[in-house]
Amino acid sequence: MTEIYENASRVIVWFGYATDASLAVSKLLDISTLLHAYEPDELLEKLLSDKTDPTETASWTALQRLFSRPWFLRVWIIQEVMVAQEVHIIYGDHYLSWKMVADVMQGFYNGPLEQLLSNSLEDSAIYSPQALATVSQMRQIRDDFRSLAGIRLDHLLASFIHSQATVDKDKVYALQGLTSFARENDSILPVKVEYSESTSIEDVLIETADFLVKRRQCSWILPLSGTGFSDRSPRLPSWVPQWKPDRMATALSRYIENGSQEDSHPDYRYKACGEGSHPSNYQFVLNREQKTLKVRGCFVTKIKMVGPCFPTIDHSSVWEYAREVKHWYDDSISFVHAEVHDPYLDGQGITEAFWRTLVGDREMLQPRPATLSVGEVFRVLTDLSKLDWNLFGNPHSASKGVSYGDFSQFFDIAEGMNDEQIKMISGLLSSLQDLGGPHLRATRFFKDVVACANGRRWCVTKSGHMGFVPPRSMPDDLICLIYGTQTPYVLRQNFSQGSNDLKRTYTLIGECYMHGMMDGEALQGQIEESFFTLT
């Protein structure tokens, strides 16, 4: 199929009909023109004004529906766009260039303009932000396909991890033909295509992992693996990733996702293995027959106690979810003050160490460590959490459709409060305003917390470190460094009758954040280097 699309003079994508297609296309063309005329901040201000015009509501809704077409999330469409000479889109009666549509979607992706989409409908479920991410990746990798940089299978699997397929095997099959390996080896594919029942999805995933290890495309192997997060097939070794979106959402490691992309945020990444926190320092030994992976690293400490787990994000009710987060926060405070020494191991006061742990001691795509302004936001939000929440009315009231990690609707609700309620929170909101705006700073803080704590629980180690570990971690699990990786990992020793040290094996539980261990500090003392055999 890759050759067919590559040799075609033109590929036409059919989006189907929609009653509001003309409105969507009109708004799309308007924004395309404005993108070339305004700086991002100026454009945001202009479009915010445009969106508040009641006559424009239908157009924004139509644009949202266009960006949420199921087509964007289908894994098989990726090769259509990436290898074709020209791509055009038909939507209703309109004929559009792929480049124009993709450029507009890129303008919204991961920037201030995205809030215009996430808040423009009462029902945010209509809008799927993953479409923007998919298109952004396709734009970049489409260029790589024709460049000398080439495309690696691990980059493709990570970049399009949110793409969907009716048959799970197609998450691999649909992408591997685009790899440099397939193009350089007369279309020999990394993984044999086999749809028969005799080849299970586990077989395909193991063969994929085998290929990636042998080709030293290992960046995402361990960050996306482990038994500590979600149910896994008992036939799948703990070190083999399933390439599921929820695992990417909880990954702490960050890698360049395609060959030609510049490393524009090197100081954002963790360096638990010091300057050796790079894939070139991996020491992996694969045993295909036993389905094991031997990795070189060192033991650091053991988990002493596990604590409360961060609540699952609930998009249906901002109030119910906010209450859950508040309960989690209260339990976290109690846990940390009871189990962690003050001052902390690195000399920080317990309060500073606590908020730095909450956000993983980093701000999104900013050089580490987190700035003191994050601590100021934490202080204000802590004061806000101490208010009597009964003042906020019925938790089942109409505050629905809260965007992922976006508390802006929480502040909008304050507009409908009485004088007594407003008086209690006005000072706190003013404090946030001084820190850069209540929506912006509070939302950024919460997103930074989610990036570190989501899907993890608190823990304290026997060495006195605190941090976040996979939810299924247990006391006496090992905290280890695996050379070449960015973060510490939780391992669990497998015990079997008659086992000895030479045959000792481990289950990979998953990545973790350990405050005071993310920049090579653990390598400064006496360490026990070893090979860990992962099963």
Foldseek 3Di string as FASTA:
>chain_A
DLVVQQPDQEAEAELDEDPCQVLQVVVLVVLLVVVVVDDLVVVLVVVVVVLVPVVSLSSLVNVQLVLQRLVLQALLCLSNLQRHPFYWYDYHNDIGGPVSNLVSLLSCQPDPNVVSNLPSDLASVSGDNVSSQSSVVSVVVSVVLPDPLWWDQVLQLQSSLRHDDPDLLCSRVSPQQSGPVCVVPVNPGQFDDDDDPVQDLLNSQLSVVVSCVVVLVCQCQFQQFAPQFDDDDPSHFRRGHSSHPVSSLQGQADDDSGRPDDPQQPQQFFALQAPQQASVFWDWDADSVVSKIKFWWFFQFFFADWFDAQDDDDQFFPLVNVVSNLVSVVRVVVVCVVQFDAPHPVNHGSLVLVLQQLLLQVFPSDHGGDDCLLVLLVVLVVLVSPDDCVQLPDRNPSPGRADVLFCPSVVVSLVPHDPVVCVSCVVSQVSVVVSPHPRPSNSRSSVSSCNARPQWTWTATPVRWIHTAHNRDDGGFTFIDGGNHQFTWTWAWDDDPPDDPVRIAIGTRHGIRTPPSRNNNSVVDDIGIDIHMGD
